[in-house]
Amino acid sequence: MPWSGLSRWLAVLAWMAFIFVGSTDLLASHRTSRFIGPILRWFNPNVSEATIARVQMVVRKTGHLTEYGILAVLLARALQPGSAAALTPGAWRLAMGLCVLYACADEFHQAFEPSRQASVGDVLLDTVGGVLGLLWLGWWRRRRPPA
């Protein structure tokens, strides 16, 4: 069942709210380490603190890629509804522009969170996530049979 235009934009706003909440102390590194360390120790009781820190970093950075990949897909679906095999160049650029703008706003927000820090590197990682999300969407649309 196709989504109406409004529900597509509501999905975008809901995902942006999810990202915003994740940028607070709720998902700061000292909180995520509380579950990553015990999980790794369950698999290997002798795991080093350095290994736990590396795995935590990989998980956190993969989260950036994933959350902005999803945001880009949601934006593209809202900007260009339908099952066209390829996004129009305008929809692609606008979806990416909005992703980058939101990534910048998110890092600005984190600059005011005592347990977080703003990072240009994270904006770049978020941008890569957006690009990967749009590439995935294009692949997915091309592989589906026409409706």
Protein backbone atom coordinates (compact mmCIF):
# COMPACT_ATOMS: atom_id res chain seq x y z
CA MET A 1 0.00 0.00 0.00
CA PRO A 2 1.64 3.27 -1.04
CA TRP A 3 2.25 5.92 1.59
CA SER A 4 0.70 9.30 1.25
CA GLY A 5 3.08 12.24 0.87
CA LEU A 6 2.38 13.38 4.43
CA SER A 7 3.21 10.01 5.98
CA ARG A 8 6.49 9.90 4.07
CA TRP A 9 7.48 13.27 5.58
CA LEU A 10 6.30 12.13 9.02
CA ALA A 11 8.67 9.17 8.70
CA VAL A 12 11.52 11.59 7.91
CA LEU A 13 10.66 13.75 10.94
CA ALA A 14 10.36 10.70 13.21
CA TRP A 15 13.80 9.47 12.09
CA MET A 16 15.30 12.92 12.63
CA ALA A 17 13.83 12.89 16.15
CA PHE A 18 15.41 9.47 16.74
CA ILE A 19 18.80 10.84 15.64
CA PHE A 20 18.34 13.92 17.84
CA VAL A 21 17.59 11.82 20.93
CA GLY A 22 20.55 9.56 20.14
CA SER A 23 22.77 12.65 20.14
CA THR A 24 22.05 13.34 23.79
CA ASP A 25 23.67 11.73 26.81
CA LEU A 26 21.35 8.76 26.27
CA LEU A 27 23.70 7.21 23.68
CA ALA A 28 27.00 8.79 24.75
CA SER A 29 30.02 6.48 24.67
CA HIS A 30 30.03 5.95 28.43
CA ARG A 31 26.50 4.55 28.11
CA THR A 32 27.06 2.29 25.09
CA SER A 33 30.17 0.82 26.71
CA ARG A 34 27.91 -0.57 29.43
CA PHE A 35 26.50 -3.16 27.08
CA ILE A 36 29.26 -3.65 24.49
CA GLY A 37 31.89 -4.63 27.08
CA PRO A 38 29.74 -7.25 28.83
CA ILE A 39 28.68 -8.79 25.51
CA LEU A 40 32.31 -9.09 24.38
CA ARG A 41 33.32 -10.51 27.77
CA TRP A 42 30.55 -13.08 27.49
CA PHE A 43 32.11 -14.31 24.24
CA ASN A 44 35.70 -13.98 25.49
CA PRO A 45 36.30 -13.38 29.22
CA ASN A 46 39.93 -12.43 28.49
CA VAL A 47 39.14 -9.67 25.99
CA SER A 48 41.35 -6.62 26.52
CA GLU A 49 40.07 -3.12 27.28
CA ALA A 50 41.77 -1.91 24.08
CA THR A 51 39.80 -4.44 22.03
CA ILE A 52 36.57 -3.41 23.72
CA ALA A 53 37.33 0.25 22.94
CA ARG A 54 38.04 -0.57 19.28
CA VAL A 55 34.84 -2.60 18.91
CA GLN A 56 32.85 0.15 20.60
CA MET A 57 34.28 2.70 18.17
CA VAL A 58 33.41 0.50 15.17
CA VAL A 59 29.86 -0.01 16.47
CA ARG A 60 29.38 3.71 17.10
CA LYS A 61 30.77 4.76 13.69
CA THR A 62 28.71 2.08 11.93
CA GLY A 63 25.72 3.62 13.69
CA HIS A 64 26.52 6.96 12.03
CA LEU A 65 26.64 5.32 8.59
CA THR A 66 23.41 3.44 9.20
CA GLU A 67 21.33 6.23 10.69
CA TYR A 68 22.21 8.69 7.92
CA GLY A 69 21.82 6.02 5.24
CA ILE A 70 18.28 5.48 6.51
CA LEU A 71 17.67 9.23 6.68
CA ALA A 72 18.79 9.66 3.05
CA VAL A 73 16.49 6.84 1.90
CA LEU A 74 13.54 8.31 3.79
CA LEU A 75 14.27 11.75 2.35
CA ALA A 76 14.55 10.37 -1.19
CA ARG A 77 11.25 8.51 -0.81
CA ALA A 78 9.57 11.69 0.41
CA LEU A 79 11.10 13.83 -2.34
CA GLN A 80 10.46 11.39 -5.20
CA PRO A 81 7.63 9.01 -4.37
CA GLY A 82 6.94 6.12 -6.66
CA SER A 83 9.01 3.30 -7.98
CA ALA A 84 11.14 5.07 -10.56
CA ALA A 85 14.27 3.03 -11.08
CA ALA A 86 16.58 5.97 -10.52
CA LEU A 87 16.32 9.08 -8.44
CA THR A 88 16.26 12.26 -10.43
CA PRO A 89 19.49 14.22 -10.03
CA GLY A 90 17.54 16.98 -8.28
CA ALA A 91 16.01 14.58 -5.73
CA TRP A 92 19.42 12.99 -5.15
CA ARG A 93 21.12 16.34 -4.54
CA LEU A 94 18.32 17.63 -2.32
CA ALA A 95 18.23 14.44 -0.24
CA MET A 96 22.00 14.60 0.23
CA GLY A 97 21.94 18.32 0.95
CA LEU A 98 19.30 17.82 3.65
CA CYS A 99 21.30 14.92 5.09
CA VAL A 100 24.46 17.00 5.31
CA LEU A 101 22.57 19.95 6.75
CA TYR A 102 21.02 17.72 9.42
CA ALA A 103 24.40 16.13 10.18
CA CYS A 104 25.85 19.59 10.75
CA ALA A 105 22.90 20.56 12.96
CA ASP A 106 23.29 17.30 14.90
CA GLU A 107 26.97 17.96 15.58
CA PHE A 108 26.14 21.54 16.57
CA HIS A 109 23.60 20.11 19.03
CA GLN A 110 26.22 17.73 20.43
CA ALA A 111 28.55 20.67 21.11
CA PHE A 112 26.11 21.69 23.85
CA GLU A 113 25.79 18.22 25.40
CA PRO A 114 28.30 17.87 28.29
CA SER A 115 28.92 14.17 27.60
CA ARG A 116 29.25 14.60 23.82
CA GLN A 117 31.53 16.45 21.45
CA ALA A 118 31.03 17.88 17.97
CA SER A 119 33.13 16.38 15.19
CA VAL A 120 33.64 17.36 11.56
CA GLY A 121 34.74 13.75 11.02
CA ASP A 122 31.31 12.56 12.09
CA VAL A 123 29.66 14.93 9.59
CA LEU A 124 31.83 13.38 6.88
CA LEU A 125 30.92 9.88 8.09
CA ASP A 126 27.23 10.84 8.11
CA THR A 127 27.61 12.13 4.55
CA VAL A 128 29.14 8.84 3.45
CA GLY A 129 26.23 7.06 5.13
CA GLY A 130 23.79 9.20 3.16
CA VAL A 131 25.55 8.45 -0.12
CA LEU A 132 25.58 4.71 0.66
CA GLY A 133 21.88 4.84 1.53
CA LEU A 134 21.02 6.50 -1.78
CA LEU A 135 23.20 4.08 -3.72
CA TRP A 136 21.42 1.20 -1.98
CA LEU A 137 18.01 2.72 -2.80
CA GLY A 138 18.97 3.05 -6.46
CA TRP A 139 20.14 -0.58 -6.53
CA TRP A 140 16.97 -1.73 -4.78
CA ARG A 141 14.69 0.14 -7.17
CA ARG A 142 16.53 -1.20 -10.23
CA ARG A 143 16.33 -4.82 -9.10
CA ARG A 144 12.56 -4.76 -8.45
CA PRO A 145 10.24 -5.58 -11.33
CA PRO A 146 8.13 -2.62 -12.54
CA ALA A 147 4.77 -2.30 -10.79
